[in-house]
Amino acid sequence: QVQLVESGGGLVQAGESLTLSCVASGRTFSNYNMGWFRQAPGKEREFVAGISWSGDLIYYADSVKGRFTISRVNAKNTVYLQMNSLKPEDTAVYYCNAGLRLQLGDYRNGNYWGQGTQVTVSS
């Protein structure tokens, strides 16, 4: 089992920045690809960004490319999502995920989810 706890969400204005953190416990963090997904009201959960266990592979959804940055520090069992130039359409609950598939165009989620953190961007 892997337990994931997200933090860092909040209410910001358009154009501002936020950094989300996800701390993992349980099994060896460095064995897992890690990712961020989000779910807006009335919409399906969607892939946002993913990083391989080694940090060598990183993928982003087209909607966030150039604005968001995913990173990880295996020594701290933590993955981050730096979000810049936020837009109202980024408003969603953001979820950390462990074990996702990470191949170009295929980002199926893994089995482990955090509880989510709300990000709200006002216009």
Protein backbone atom coordinates (compact mmCIF):
# COMPACT_ATOMS: atom_id res chain seq x y z
CA GLN A 1 0.00 0.00 0.00
CA VAL A 2 1.01 3.59 -0.68
CA GLN A 3 -0.56 6.47 1.21
CA LEU A 4 -0.56 9.88 -0.45
CA VAL A 5 -1.30 13.23 1.15
CA GLU A 6 -1.63 16.37 -0.96
CA SER A 7 -1.34 19.95 0.21
CA GLY A 8 -0.93 23.43 -1.20
CA GLY A 9 -4.28 24.12 -2.82
CA GLY A 10 -6.15 27.34 -2.34
CA LEU A 11 -7.90 30.30 -3.89
CA VAL A 12 -5.88 32.53 -6.21
CA GLN A 13 -6.51 35.07 -8.92
CA ALA A 14 -5.87 34.43 -12.59
CA GLY A 15 -2.21 34.81 -13.46
CA GLU A 16 -0.97 33.84 -10.01
CA SER A 17 0.94 30.73 -8.95
CA LEU A 18 0.54 27.79 -6.58
CA THR A 19 2.70 24.82 -5.70
CA LEU A 20 1.09 21.53 -4.77
CA SER A 21 2.92 18.89 -2.76
CA CYS A 22 2.23 15.20 -2.35
CA VAL A 23 3.96 13.21 0.36
CA ALA A 24 3.98 9.44 0.10
CA SER A 25 4.37 6.79 2.75
CA GLY A 26 4.23 3.04 2.75
CA ARG A 27 6.04 1.25 -0.02
CA THR A 28 9.22 2.56 -1.61
CA PHE A 29 8.35 5.88 -3.22
CA SER A 30 11.20 5.76 -5.69
CA ASN A 31 9.76 2.61 -7.29
CA TYR A 32 6.71 4.45 -8.60
CA ASN A 33 5.90 6.73 -11.46
CA MET A 34 4.01 9.66 -9.96
CA GLY A 35 1.42 11.94 -11.43
CA TRP A 36 -1.17 14.62 -10.94
CA PHE A 37 -4.74 14.43 -12.15
CA ARG A 38 -7.57 16.89 -11.73
CA GLN A 39 -11.34 16.85 -11.71
CA ALA A 40 -13.50 19.88 -12.31
CA PRO A 41 -17.19 19.95 -11.33
CA GLY A 42 -19.26 17.92 -13.76
CA LYS A 43 -16.22 16.64 -15.64
CA GLU A 44 -14.21 13.46 -15.67
CA ARG A 45 -10.89 13.21 -13.91
CA GLU A 46 -8.08 14.04 -16.31
CA PHE A 47 -4.33 13.65 -16.50
CA VAL A 48 -2.30 16.77 -15.79
CA ALA A 49 1.36 15.74 -15.45
CA GLY A 50 3.47 12.68 -14.78
CA ILE A 51 7.07 11.92 -13.85
CA SER A 52 8.89 8.61 -13.99
CA TRP A 53 10.37 6.94 -10.94
CA SER A 54 13.82 8.22 -11.91
CA GLY A 55 12.64 11.66 -12.98
CA ASP A 56 13.96 11.10 -16.50
CA LEU A 57 10.57 11.08 -18.22
CA ILE A 58 8.06 13.88 -17.81
CA TYR A 59 4.80 14.41 -19.64
CA TYR A 60 2.16 17.13 -19.49
CA ALA A 61 -1.35 17.57 -20.74
CA ASP A 62 -1.44 20.06 -23.60
CA SER A 63 -3.63 22.37 -21.54
CA VAL A 64 -0.90 22.95 -18.94
CA LYS A 65 2.26 22.60 -20.99
CA GLY A 66 4.55 25.58 -20.50
CA ARG A 67 2.72 26.69 -17.32
CA PHE A 68 3.00 23.72 -14.95
CA THR A 69 6.12 21.89 -13.81
CA ILE A 70 6.20 18.51 -12.11
CA SER A 71 9.18 17.43 -10.04
CA ARG A 72 10.07 14.93 -7.36
CA VAL A 73 12.53 14.50 -4.52
CA ASN A 74 12.80 10.81 -3.77
CA ALA A 75 14.75 11.43 -0.57
CA LYS A 76 11.70 13.31 0.74
CA ASN A 77 9.08 10.95 -0.72
CA THR A 78 7.52 14.01 -2.30
CA VAL A 79 6.26 15.03 -5.71
CA TYR A 80 5.45 18.65 -6.57
CA LEU A 81 3.36 20.49 -9.09
CA GLN A 82 4.40 24.08 -9.68
CA MET A 83 1.51 25.90 -11.35
CA ASN A 84 2.14 29.29 -12.94
CA SER A 85 -0.07 31.63 -14.94
CA LEU A 86 -3.16 29.98 -13.53
CA LYS A 87 -6.42 30.33 -15.41
CA PRO A 88 -10.03 29.98 -14.23
CA GLU A 89 -10.26 26.76 -16.25
CA ASP A 90 -7.58 25.27 -14.00
CA THR A 91 -10.11 25.25 -11.17
CA ALA A 92 -10.49 21.66 -9.97
CA VAL A 93 -9.68 19.19 -7.26
CA TYR A 94 -6.12 18.03 -7.86
CA TYR A 95 -5.19 14.45 -7.02
CA CYS A 96 -1.81 12.83 -6.61
CA ASN A 97 -1.45 9.36 -8.09
CA ALA A 98 1.15 6.63 -7.73
CA GLY A 99 1.95 3.93 -10.22
CA LEU A 100 0.50 5.53 -13.34
CA ARG A 101 1.42 4.30 -16.79
CA LEU A 102 3.79 6.80 -18.36
CA GLN A 103 4.10 6.38 -22.11
CA LEU A 104 3.52 9.08 -24.69
CA GLY A 105 -0.22 9.37 -25.05
CA ASP A 106 -0.97 6.72 -22.44
CA TYR A 107 -1.21 8.02 -18.89
CA ARG A 108 -3.56 5.57 -17.26
CA ASN A 109 -3.71 6.10 -13.54
CA GLY A 110 -2.19 3.77 -10.99
CA ASN A 111 -3.98 2.26 -8.04
CA TYR A 112 -3.07 4.78 -5.37
CA TRP A 113 -4.74 8.16 -4.90
CA GLY A 114 -4.52 10.96 -2.43
CA GLN A 115 -7.58 12.66 -0.99
CA GLY A 116 -7.28 15.66 -3.30
CA THR A 117 -6.68 19.35 -2.80
CA GLN A 118 -8.93 22.11 -4.13
CA VAL A 119 -7.52 24.74 -6.47
CA THR A 120 -9.79 27.65 -7.30
CA VAL A 121 -8.76 30.36 -9.75
CA SER A 122 -10.87 33.49 -9.90
CA SER A 123 -11.02 35.75 -12.94
